[in-house]
Amino acid sequence: MTHAFRIGPIVTAIVLTGIAATTQAATGDPAHPAIADYGAVQPRPDAAVQPSADKRYKVVFDISKQSKSKDRPNPGLRVVARQVNVFASAGVPLDHLKFVAVIRGPATTSVLTDAAYDKQFGHKNPNTQLIAALHKAGIKVDVCGQALSKHDYANDSVNSNVTIALSALSTLAIYQKRGYAYEKP
């Protein structure tokens, strides 16, 4: 009985240490493993469904909503950054992520140069650094050429890290035909 009494506290301490370690892994500080300053994630190595580091992932994001505040980054672009960070936190190399953010409609202002944005809204574009970070991570950002024309934005008013597409509708269809998963943040 004395032997069992001593083992009980030891087993309890081991179990509690395991619970504390799991809780710390689940509630630790947010991480930015690939896109610094945007799209913070909580690494979850204990999660049941994990991406495989040796697989390639193709996603096209349909971004048509603008930020509620003209001085904050577009929420759809922030979702793309978070998605990149989620995969990176699970060990997926950036070159295994084939992500394309397609900007259209009211979100079109998100891809304007700082000068064009300043002319329209009175300050620099809050999306410029986020778009640069996505570009650096290998994420493609396209803008709808039809939306640019509709809003009378010249091609040279578009951020240099953004590709002008014929239209968002055709671009979304083309990428889906190429096997890209569709997401609407």
N, C-alpha and C. Protein backbone atom coordinates (compact mmCIF):
# COMPACT_ATOMS: atom_id res chain seq x y z
N MET A 1 0.83 -1.18 0.00
CA MET A 1 0.00 0.00 0.00
C MET A 1 0.87 1.25 0.00
N THR A 2 1.96 1.23 0.74
CA THR A 2 2.84 2.38 0.79
C THR A 2 3.45 2.64 -0.59
N HIS A 3 3.82 1.58 -1.32
CA HIS A 3 4.40 1.70 -2.65
C HIS A 3 3.40 2.32 -3.62
N ALA A 4 2.18 1.88 -3.59
CA ALA A 4 1.14 2.44 -4.48
C ALA A 4 0.87 3.89 -4.12
N PHE A 5 0.95 4.20 -2.84
CA PHE A 5 0.70 5.57 -2.39
C PHE A 5 1.75 6.52 -2.96
N ARG A 6 3.01 6.08 -3.07
CA ARG A 6 4.07 6.91 -3.62
C ARG A 6 3.96 7.05 -5.13
N ILE A 7 3.54 6.04 -5.82
CA ILE A 7 3.44 6.08 -7.27
C ILE A 7 2.29 6.99 -7.70
N GLY A 8 1.21 7.01 -6.94
CA GLY A 8 0.05 7.85 -7.29
C GLY A 8 0.42 9.30 -7.54
N PRO A 9 1.12 9.95 -6.60
CA PRO A 9 1.51 11.35 -6.83
C PRO A 9 2.45 11.52 -8.03
N ILE A 10 3.30 10.54 -8.26
CA ILE A 10 4.22 10.62 -9.39
C ILE A 10 3.43 10.55 -10.70
N VAL A 11 2.51 9.62 -10.80
CA VAL A 11 1.67 9.49 -11.99
C VAL A 11 0.83 10.75 -12.17
N THR A 12 0.27 11.26 -11.09
CA THR A 12 -0.53 12.48 -11.17
C THR A 12 0.33 13.63 -11.68
N ALA A 13 1.56 13.76 -11.19
CA ALA A 13 2.45 14.84 -11.64
C ALA A 13 2.77 14.69 -13.12
N ILE A 14 3.00 13.48 -13.59
CA ILE A 14 3.29 13.25 -15.00
C ILE A 14 2.08 13.62 -15.86
N VAL A 15 0.89 13.20 -15.46
CA VAL A 15 -0.33 13.52 -16.21
C VAL A 15 -0.56 15.02 -16.25
N LEU A 16 -0.40 15.69 -15.09
CA LEU A 16 -0.61 17.13 -15.06
C LEU A 16 0.43 17.87 -15.91
N THR A 17 1.66 17.38 -15.92
CA THR A 17 2.69 17.99 -16.77
C THR A 17 2.31 17.85 -18.23
N GLY A 18 1.81 16.69 -18.62
CA GLY A 18 1.36 16.47 -20.00
C GLY A 18 0.22 17.37 -20.38
N ILE A 19 -0.73 17.55 -19.47
CA ILE A 19 -1.87 18.44 -19.73
C ILE A 19 -1.38 19.87 -19.87
N ALA A 20 -0.48 20.29 -19.00
CA ALA A 20 0.04 21.65 -19.07
C ALA A 20 0.79 21.88 -20.38
N ALA A 21 1.57 20.91 -20.82
CA ALA A 21 2.31 21.05 -22.08
C ALA A 21 1.35 21.13 -23.26
N THR A 22 0.30 20.32 -23.25
CA THR A 22 -0.69 20.36 -24.33
C THR A 22 -1.42 21.69 -24.33
N THR A 23 -1.78 22.17 -23.16
CA THR A 23 -2.47 23.46 -23.07
C THR A 23 -1.56 24.57 -23.57
N GLN A 24 -0.28 24.54 -23.21
CA GLN A 24 0.67 25.56 -23.66
C GLN A 24 0.78 25.53 -25.18
N ALA A 25 0.83 24.33 -25.78
CA ALA A 25 0.92 24.23 -27.23
C ALA A 25 -0.31 24.81 -27.89
N ALA A 26 -1.46 24.64 -27.27
CA ALA A 26 -2.70 25.12 -27.86
C ALA A 26 -2.96 26.59 -27.59
N THR A 27 -2.39 27.14 -26.53
CA THR A 27 -2.70 28.52 -26.16
C THR A 27 -1.48 29.42 -26.09
N GLY A 28 -0.37 28.99 -26.71
CA GLY A 28 0.84 29.80 -26.69
C GLY A 28 0.66 31.09 -27.48
N ASP A 29 1.73 31.85 -27.55
CA ASP A 29 1.67 33.10 -28.28
C ASP A 29 1.38 32.84 -29.76
N PRO A 30 0.63 33.73 -30.40
CA PRO A 30 0.37 33.58 -31.83
C PRO A 30 1.68 33.60 -32.61
N ALA A 31 1.70 32.88 -33.73
CA ALA A 31 2.91 32.77 -34.54
C ALA A 31 2.68 33.35 -35.93
N HIS A 32 3.77 33.81 -36.50
CA HIS A 32 3.79 34.31 -37.88
C HIS A 32 4.94 33.60 -38.60
N PRO A 33 4.84 32.30 -38.86
CA PRO A 33 5.98 31.56 -39.38
C PRO A 33 6.39 31.91 -40.81
N ALA A 34 5.50 32.52 -41.59
CA ALA A 34 5.85 32.84 -42.98
C ALA A 34 5.56 34.29 -43.34
N ILE A 35 4.45 34.82 -42.87
CA ILE A 35 4.05 36.19 -43.18
C ILE A 35 4.10 36.98 -41.87
N ALA A 36 5.18 37.70 -41.68
CA ALA A 36 5.35 38.48 -40.45
C ALA A 36 4.32 39.60 -40.38
N ASP A 37 3.82 39.83 -39.20
CA ASP A 37 2.90 40.94 -38.91
C ASP A 37 1.47 40.76 -39.40
N TYR A 38 1.19 39.70 -40.14
CA TYR A 38 -0.17 39.48 -40.65
C TYR A 38 -0.55 38.00 -40.49
N GLY A 39 -1.83 37.76 -40.21
CA GLY A 39 -2.33 36.40 -40.19
C GLY A 39 -1.77 35.53 -39.09
N ALA A 40 -1.76 36.03 -37.87
CA ALA A 40 -1.24 35.25 -36.74
C ALA A 40 -2.04 33.96 -36.57
N VAL A 41 -1.36 32.89 -36.23
CA VAL A 41 -1.99 31.58 -36.02
C VAL A 41 -1.50 30.97 -34.71
N GLN A 42 -2.26 30.03 -34.23
CA GLN A 42 -1.85 29.22 -33.08
C GLN A 42 -1.40 27.87 -33.62
N PRO A 43 -0.11 27.56 -33.56
CA PRO A 43 0.33 26.23 -33.99
C PRO A 43 -0.41 25.15 -33.19
N ARG A 44 -0.88 24.13 -33.86
CA ARG A 44 -1.63 23.04 -33.22
C ARG A 44 -1.07 21.70 -33.67
N PRO A 45 0.14 21.34 -33.24
CA PRO A 45 0.71 20.06 -33.66
C PRO A 45 -0.10 18.87 -33.16
N ASP A 46 -1.00 19.11 -32.20
CA ASP A 46 -1.82 18.04 -31.65
C ASP A 46 -3.14 17.88 -32.39
N ALA A 47 -3.44 18.73 -33.37
CA ALA A 47 -4.71 18.67 -34.09
C ALA A 47 -4.80 17.40 -34.92
N ALA A 48 -6.01 16.88 -35.04
CA ALA A 48 -6.24 15.61 -35.73
C ALA A 48 -5.99 15.71 -37.24
N VAL A 49 -6.39 16.80 -37.86
CA VAL A 49 -6.23 16.95 -39.31
C VAL A 49 -5.08 17.91 -39.57
N GLN A 50 -4.04 17.41 -40.19
CA GLN A 50 -2.83 18.20 -40.45
C GLN A 50 -2.47 18.11 -41.93
N PRO A 51 -1.99 19.20 -42.52
CA PRO A 51 -1.50 19.11 -43.90
C PRO A 51 -0.19 18.32 -43.91
N SER A 52 0.06 17.66 -45.01
CA SER A 52 1.30 16.91 -45.17
C SER A 52 2.37 17.81 -45.79
N ALA A 53 3.52 17.82 -45.18
CA ALA A 53 4.60 18.68 -45.65
C ALA A 53 5.09 18.29 -47.04
N ASP A 54 4.84 17.06 -47.47
CA ASP A 54 5.32 16.63 -48.78
C ASP A 54 4.28 16.81 -49.90
N LYS A 55 3.11 17.32 -49.58
CA LYS A 55 2.05 17.55 -50.58
C LYS A 55 2.07 18.99 -51.05
N ARG A 56 1.44 19.24 -52.19
CA ARG A 56 1.28 20.59 -52.72
C ARG A 56 -0.19 20.99 -52.59
N TYR A 57 -0.41 22.25 -52.26
CA TYR A 57 -1.77 22.74 -52.03
C TYR A 57 -2.04 23.92 -52.96
N LYS A 58 -3.17 23.84 -53.67
CA LYS A 58 -3.53 24.88 -54.63
C LYS A 58 -4.88 25.46 -54.23
N VAL A 59 -4.89 26.78 -53.99
CA VAL A 59 -6.12 27.46 -53.57
C VAL A 59 -6.21 28.79 -54.31
N VAL A 60 -7.42 29.09 -54.80
CA VAL A 60 -7.70 30.40 -55.37
C VAL A 60 -8.69 31.09 -54.44
N PHE A 61 -8.35 32.29 -54.02
CA PHE A 61 -9.17 33.06 -53.08
C PHE A 61 -9.92 34.14 -53.86
N ASP A 62 -11.21 34.20 -53.70
CA ASP A 62 -12.08 35.17 -54.36
C ASP A 62 -12.34 36.31 -53.38
N ILE A 63 -11.63 37.43 -53.55
CA ILE A 63 -11.71 38.54 -52.60
C ILE A 63 -12.44 39.71 -53.24
N SER A 64 -13.67 39.95 -52.75
CA SER A 64 -14.47 41.03 -53.33
C SER A 64 -14.91 42.07 -52.30
N LYS A 65 -14.67 41.81 -51.04
CA LYS A 65 -15.07 42.78 -50.01
C LYS A 65 -13.90 43.69 -49.68
N GLN A 66 -14.22 44.94 -49.43
CA GLN A 66 -13.20 45.88 -49.00
C GLN A 66 -13.18 45.95 -47.48
N SER A 67 -12.14 46.53 -46.96
CA SER A 67 -12.06 46.73 -45.52
C SER A 67 -13.10 47.75 -45.10
N LYS A 68 -13.64 47.60 -43.90
CA LYS A 68 -14.62 48.56 -43.39
C LYS A 68 -13.98 49.91 -43.13
N SER A 69 -12.68 49.91 -42.92
CA SER A 69 -11.93 51.14 -42.67
C SER A 69 -10.85 51.27 -43.73
N LYS A 70 -10.76 52.40 -44.35
CA LYS A 70 -9.78 52.63 -45.42
C LYS A 70 -8.34 52.69 -44.92
N ASP A 71 -8.15 52.65 -43.60
CA ASP A 71 -6.79 52.66 -43.07
C ASP A 71 -6.38 51.31 -42.49
N ARG A 72 -7.15 50.26 -42.81
CA ARG A 72 -6.82 48.91 -42.35
C ARG A 72 -6.69 47.98 -43.55
N PRO A 73 -5.81 46.97 -43.47
CA PRO A 73 -5.66 46.03 -44.58
C PRO A 73 -6.95 45.27 -44.89
N ASN A 74 -7.07 44.87 -46.12
CA ASN A 74 -8.23 44.12 -46.57
C ASN A 74 -8.35 42.80 -45.78
N PRO A 75 -9.53 42.51 -45.24
CA PRO A 75 -9.69 41.28 -44.45
C PRO A 75 -9.47 40.01 -45.26
N GLY A 76 -9.81 40.03 -46.54
CA GLY A 76 -9.57 38.86 -47.39
C GLY A 76 -8.10 38.58 -47.57
N LEU A 77 -7.30 39.63 -47.75
CA LEU A 77 -5.85 39.44 -47.87
C LEU A 77 -5.26 38.96 -46.55
N ARG A 78 -5.83 39.41 -45.44
CA ARG A 78 -5.36 38.93 -44.13
C ARG A 78 -5.68 37.44 -43.97
N VAL A 79 -6.81 36.98 -44.52
CA VAL A 79 -7.15 35.56 -44.48
C VAL A 79 -6.12 34.76 -45.28
N VAL A 80 -5.73 35.27 -46.43
CA VAL A 80 -4.71 34.58 -47.23
C VAL A 80 -3.42 34.46 -46.43
N ALA A 81 -3.00 35.54 -45.78
CA ALA A 81 -1.79 35.50 -44.94
C ALA A 81 -1.94 34.47 -43.82
N ARG A 82 -3.11 34.43 -43.21
CA ARG A 82 -3.34 33.45 -42.14
C ARG A 82 -3.27 32.03 -42.68
N GLN A 83 -3.83 31.81 -43.86
CA GLN A 83 -3.79 30.47 -44.47
C GLN A 83 -2.35 30.06 -44.73
N VAL A 84 -1.53 30.98 -45.24
CA VAL A 84 -0.11 30.68 -45.46
C VAL A 84 0.55 30.32 -44.14
N ASN A 85 0.29 31.10 -43.10
CA ASN A 85 0.89 30.84 -41.79
C ASN A 85 0.42 29.52 -41.17
N VAL A 86 -0.84 29.16 -41.40
CA VAL A 86 -1.35 27.87 -40.90
C VAL A 86 -0.55 26.72 -41.52
N PHE A 87 -0.41 26.74 -42.84
CA PHE A 87 0.32 25.67 -43.51
C PHE A 87 1.79 25.67 -43.10
N ALA A 88 2.39 26.86 -43.01
CA ALA A 88 3.80 26.95 -42.61
C ALA A 88 3.99 26.45 -41.18
N SER A 89 3.03 26.74 -40.29
CA SER A 89 3.16 26.28 -38.90
C SER A 89 3.10 24.76 -38.80
N ALA A 90 2.51 24.13 -39.82
CA ALA A 90 2.44 22.66 -39.84
C ALA A 90 3.61 22.05 -40.61
N GLY A 91 4.57 22.89 -41.01
CA GLY A 91 5.78 22.38 -41.66
C GLY A 91 5.71 22.28 -43.17
N VAL A 92 4.67 22.84 -43.79
CA VAL A 92 4.58 22.81 -45.25
C VAL A 92 5.47 23.92 -45.82
N PRO A 93 6.42 23.56 -46.69
CA PRO A 93 7.30 24.59 -47.28
C PRO A 93 6.49 25.55 -48.16
N LEU A 94 6.91 26.79 -48.19
CA LEU A 94 6.19 27.80 -48.98
C LEU A 94 6.10 27.43 -50.45
N ASP A 95 7.13 26.75 -50.98
CA ASP A 95 7.07 26.39 -52.40
C ASP A 95 6.08 25.26 -52.69
N HIS A 96 5.44 24.74 -51.66
CA HIS A 96 4.38 23.75 -51.83
C HIS A 96 2.99 24.41 -51.83
N LEU A 97 2.96 25.71 -51.61
CA LEU A 97 1.69 26.44 -51.59
C LEU A 97 1.52 27.19 -52.90
N LYS A 98 0.53 26.82 -53.64
CA LYS A 98 0.19 27.50 -54.89
C LYS A 98 -1.11 28.25 -54.63
N PHE A 99 -0.98 29.44 -54.06
CA PHE A 99 -2.13 30.26 -53.68
C PHE A 99 -2.22 31.47 -54.60
N VAL A 100 -3.46 31.80 -54.99
CA VAL A 100 -3.71 32.97 -55.81
C VAL A 100 -4.86 33.74 -55.17
N ALA A 101 -4.64 35.02 -54.90
CA ALA A 101 -5.69 35.90 -54.39
C ALA A 101 -6.20 36.71 -55.57
N VAL A 102 -7.48 36.56 -55.88
CA VAL A 102 -8.09 37.29 -56.99
C VAL A 102 -8.93 38.42 -56.39
N ILE A 103 -8.53 39.65 -56.71
CA ILE A 103 -9.18 40.85 -56.17
C ILE A 103 -10.16 41.37 -57.20
N ARG A 104 -11.38 41.71 -56.73
CA ARG A 104 -12.38 42.23 -57.66
C ARG A 104 -13.37 43.12 -56.92
N GLY A 105 -14.25 43.75 -57.69
CA GLY A 105 -15.32 44.56 -57.12
C GLY A 105 -14.82 45.61 -56.15
N PRO A 106 -15.55 45.78 -55.02
CA PRO A 106 -15.17 46.81 -54.04
C PRO A 106 -13.76 46.63 -53.46
N ALA A 107 -13.20 45.44 -53.55
CA ALA A 107 -11.85 45.20 -53.01
C ALA A 107 -10.76 45.74 -53.92
N THR A 108 -11.10 46.18 -55.11
CA THR A 108 -10.12 46.62 -56.09
C THR A 108 -9.18 47.71 -55.55
N THR A 109 -9.70 48.59 -54.72
CA THR A 109 -8.85 49.65 -54.17
C THR A 109 -7.69 49.09 -53.33
N SER A 110 -7.82 47.86 -52.89
CA SER A 110 -6.78 47.24 -52.05
C SER A 110 -5.45 47.12 -52.77
N VAL A 111 -5.47 47.08 -54.11
CA VAL A 111 -4.23 46.85 -54.85
C VAL A 111 -3.68 48.11 -55.51
N LEU A 112 -4.21 49.26 -55.15
CA LEU A 112 -3.70 50.51 -55.72
C LEU A 112 -2.32 50.84 -55.13
N THR A 113 -1.53 51.56 -55.90
CA THR A 113 -0.24 52.03 -55.40
C THR A 113 -0.50 53.01 -54.25
N ASP A 114 0.52 53.26 -53.47
CA ASP A 114 0.37 54.24 -52.38
C ASP A 114 -0.06 55.60 -52.93
N ALA A 115 0.53 56.01 -54.06
CA ALA A 115 0.20 57.32 -54.63
C ALA A 115 -1.26 57.39 -55.07
N ALA A 116 -1.73 56.34 -55.75
CA ALA A 116 -3.12 56.33 -56.22
C ALA A 116 -4.09 56.25 -55.04
N TYR A 117 -3.73 55.48 -54.04
CA TYR A 117 -4.57 55.36 -52.85
C TYR A 117 -4.62 56.69 -52.10
N ASP A 118 -3.47 57.31 -51.95
CA ASP A 118 -3.39 58.60 -51.26
C ASP A 118 -4.23 59.66 -51.97
N LYS A 119 -4.19 59.64 -53.28
CA LYS A 119 -4.98 60.60 -54.07
C LYS A 119 -6.47 60.42 -53.80
N GLN A 120 -6.90 59.17 -53.63
CA GLN A 120 -8.32 58.90 -53.43
C GLN A 120 -8.75 58.98 -51.97
N PHE A 121 -7.89 58.54 -51.04
CA PHE A 121 -8.30 58.43 -49.64
C PHE A 121 -7.50 59.29 -48.66
N GLY A 122 -6.47 59.97 -49.14
CA GLY A 122 -5.73 60.88 -48.28
C GLY A 122 -4.65 60.25 -47.43
N HIS A 123 -4.29 58.99 -47.70
CA HIS A 123 -3.17 58.34 -46.98
C HIS A 123 -2.70 57.13 -47.78
N LYS A 124 -1.54 56.61 -47.39
CA LYS A 124 -0.97 55.46 -48.08
C LYS A 124 -1.88 54.24 -47.97
N ASN A 125 -1.72 53.33 -48.92
CA ASN A 125 -2.50 52.10 -48.95
C ASN A 125 -2.07 51.18 -47.80
N PRO A 126 -2.98 50.80 -46.90
CA PRO A 126 -2.61 49.93 -45.79
C PRO A 126 -2.35 48.49 -46.23
N ASN A 127 -2.58 48.19 -47.49
CA ASN A 127 -2.36 46.84 -48.02
C ASN A 127 -0.99 46.64 -48.66
N THR A 128 -0.26 47.73 -48.88
CA THR A 128 1.01 47.66 -49.61
C THR A 128 1.99 46.68 -48.97
N GLN A 129 2.21 46.78 -47.67
CA GLN A 129 3.16 45.88 -47.00
C GLN A 129 2.67 44.44 -46.99
N LEU A 130 1.36 44.26 -46.81
CA LEU A 130 0.80 42.90 -46.82
C LEU A 130 0.96 42.27 -48.19
N ILE A 131 0.68 43.01 -49.24
CA ILE A 131 0.85 42.48 -50.61
C ILE A 131 2.31 42.14 -50.86
N ALA A 132 3.23 42.99 -50.40
CA ALA A 132 4.66 42.71 -50.55
C ALA A 132 5.06 41.44 -49.81
N ALA A 133 4.52 41.25 -48.61
CA ALA A 133 4.83 40.05 -47.82
C ALA A 133 4.28 38.79 -48.50
N LEU A 134 3.07 38.89 -49.04
CA LEU A 134 2.49 37.75 -49.77
C LEU A 134 3.34 37.43 -50.99
N HIS A 135 3.72 38.45 -51.72
CA HIS A 135 4.56 38.27 -52.91
C HIS A 135 5.88 37.59 -52.55
N LYS A 136 6.50 38.06 -51.48
CA LYS A 136 7.77 37.49 -51.03
C LYS A 136 7.62 36.01 -50.67
N ALA A 137 6.44 35.63 -50.16
CA ALA A 137 6.17 34.24 -49.79
C ALA A 137 5.76 33.39 -51.00
N GLY A 138 5.70 34.02 -52.19
CA GLY A 138 5.36 33.26 -53.39
C GLY A 138 3.88 33.21 -53.71
N ILE A 139 3.10 34.04 -53.04
CA ILE A 139 1.66 34.06 -53.24
C ILE A 139 1.36 35.07 -54.35
N LYS A 140 0.55 34.65 -55.31
CA LYS A 140 0.20 35.49 -56.45
C LYS A 140 -1.04 36.30 -56.12
N VAL A 141 -1.04 37.57 -56.48
CA VAL A 141 -2.20 38.44 -56.31
C VAL A 141 -2.58 38.97 -57.69
N ASP A 142 -3.80 38.69 -58.11
CA ASP A 142 -4.34 39.17 -59.38
C ASP A 142 -5.47 40.14 -59.10
N VAL A 143 -5.64 41.11 -59.99
CA VAL A 143 -6.77 42.02 -59.89
C VAL A 143 -7.58 41.95 -61.18
N CYS A 144 -8.86 42.10 -61.04
CA CYS A 144 -9.78 42.06 -62.17
C CYS A 144 -9.59 43.28 -63.06
N GLY A 145 -9.21 43.06 -64.32
CA GLY A 145 -9.05 44.15 -65.26
C GLY A 145 -10.36 44.87 -65.55
N GLN A 146 -11.46 44.13 -65.48
CA GLN A 146 -12.77 44.74 -65.71
C GLN A 146 -13.11 45.72 -64.58
N ALA A 147 -12.78 45.35 -63.35
CA ALA A 147 -13.03 46.25 -62.22
C ALA A 147 -12.16 47.49 -62.32
N LEU A 148 -10.91 47.32 -62.76
CA LEU A 148 -10.04 48.48 -62.95
C LEU A 148 -10.66 49.44 -63.96
N SER A 149 -11.13 48.89 -65.08
CA SER A 149 -11.76 49.72 -66.12
C SER A 149 -13.02 50.39 -65.60
N LYS A 150 -13.85 49.64 -64.89
CA LYS A 150 -15.11 50.18 -64.37
C LYS A 150 -14.87 51.39 -63.46
N HIS A 151 -13.80 51.32 -62.67
CA HIS A 151 -13.50 52.39 -61.71
C HIS A 151 -12.52 53.42 -62.26
N ASP A 152 -12.17 53.29 -63.54
CA ASP A 152 -11.24 54.22 -64.20
C ASP A 152 -9.86 54.27 -63.56
N TYR A 153 -9.36 53.11 -63.12
CA TYR A 153 -8.01 53.03 -62.58
C TYR A 153 -7.06 52.66 -63.72
N ALA A 154 -6.05 53.45 -63.93
CA ALA A 154 -5.05 53.16 -64.95
C ALA A 154 -4.18 51.99 -64.50
N ASN A 155 -3.62 51.28 -65.46
CA ASN A 155 -2.75 50.14 -65.11
C ASN A 155 -1.60 50.55 -64.22
N ASP A 156 -1.06 51.75 -64.41
CA ASP A 156 0.08 52.18 -63.60
C ASP A 156 -0.32 52.59 -62.18
N SER A 157 -1.62 52.52 -61.87
CA SER A 157 -2.06 52.81 -60.49
C SER A 157 -2.15 51.52 -59.67
N VAL A 158 -1.76 50.39 -60.28
CA VAL A 158 -1.82 49.08 -59.61
C VAL A 158 -0.44 48.74 -59.03
N ASN A 159 -0.44 48.26 -57.81
CA ASN A 159 0.76 47.82 -57.11
C ASN A 159 1.59 46.91 -58.03
N SER A 160 2.89 47.10 -58.07
CA SER A 160 3.77 46.33 -58.97
C SER A 160 3.84 44.84 -58.62
N ASN A 161 3.40 44.44 -57.43
CA ASN A 161 3.37 43.03 -57.05
C ASN A 161 2.05 42.36 -57.41
N VAL A 162 1.21 43.05 -58.17
CA VAL A 162 -0.11 42.55 -58.53
C VAL A 162 -0.18 42.41 -60.05
N THR A 163 -0.77 41.30 -60.51
CA THR A 163 -0.95 41.04 -61.93
C THR A 163 -2.36 41.44 -62.34
N ILE A 164 -2.46 42.12 -63.46
CA ILE A 164 -3.78 42.50 -63.98
C ILE A 164 -4.30 41.37 -64.85
N ALA A 165 -5.46 40.83 -64.47
CA ALA A 165 -6.10 39.74 -65.21
C ALA A 165 -7.18 40.30 -66.12
N LEU A 166 -7.56 39.54 -67.12
CA LEU A 166 -8.64 39.95 -68.01
C LEU A 166 -9.89 40.26 -67.19
N SER A 167 -10.26 39.31 -66.33
CA SER A 167 -11.41 39.49 -65.44
C SER A 167 -11.27 38.53 -64.28
N ALA A 168 -11.91 38.87 -63.18
CA ALA A 168 -11.90 37.96 -62.03
C ALA A 168 -12.69 36.69 -62.34
N LEU A 169 -13.81 36.84 -63.01
CA LEU A 169 -14.66 35.68 -63.29
C LEU A 169 -13.93 34.65 -64.14
N SER A 170 -13.23 35.10 -65.19
CA SER A 170 -12.50 34.14 -66.02
C SER A 170 -11.31 33.56 -65.24
N THR A 171 -10.64 34.39 -64.46
CA THR A 171 -9.48 33.92 -63.69
C THR A 171 -9.88 32.86 -62.68
N LEU A 172 -10.99 33.10 -61.98
CA LEU A 172 -11.47 32.11 -61.00
C LEU A 172 -11.80 30.79 -61.70
N ALA A 173 -12.45 30.86 -62.84
CA ALA A 173 -12.80 29.64 -63.58
C ALA A 173 -11.55 28.91 -64.07
N ILE A 174 -10.58 29.67 -64.57
CA ILE A 174 -9.34 29.07 -65.08
C ILE A 174 -8.61 28.33 -63.97
N TYR A 175 -8.45 28.97 -62.82
CA TYR A 175 -7.73 28.31 -61.72
C TYR A 175 -8.48 27.09 -61.18
N GLN A 176 -9.79 27.18 -61.12
CA GLN A 176 -10.56 26.01 -60.66
C GLN A 176 -10.42 24.86 -61.66
N LYS A 177 -10.39 25.18 -62.94
CA LYS A 177 -10.19 24.15 -63.97
C LYS A 177 -8.81 23.51 -63.83
N ARG A 178 -7.84 24.26 -63.30
CA ARG A 178 -6.49 23.74 -63.08
C ARG A 178 -6.36 22.97 -61.77
N GLY A 179 -7.49 22.78 -61.08
CA GLY A 179 -7.47 21.98 -59.85
C GLY A 179 -7.30 22.75 -58.57
N TYR A 180 -7.44 24.05 -58.61
CA TYR A 180 -7.32 24.87 -57.41
C TYR A 180 -8.63 24.80 -56.62
N ALA A 181 -8.52 24.67 -55.32
CA ALA A 181 -9.69 24.74 -54.44
C ALA A 181 -10.14 26.20 -54.39
N TYR A 182 -11.43 26.42 -54.29
CA TYR A 182 -12.00 27.77 -54.26
C TYR A 182 -12.31 28.15 -52.83
N GLU A 183 -11.88 29.33 -52.43
CA GLU A 183 -12.24 29.86 -51.10
C GLU A 183 -12.71 31.28 -51.23
N LYS A 184 -13.76 31.60 -50.49
CA LYS A 184 -14.33 32.96 -50.47
C LYS A 184 -14.19 33.50 -49.07
N PRO A 185 -13.07 34.21 -48.77
CA PRO A 185 -12.92 34.74 -47.41
C PRO A 185 -13.87 35.89 -47.13
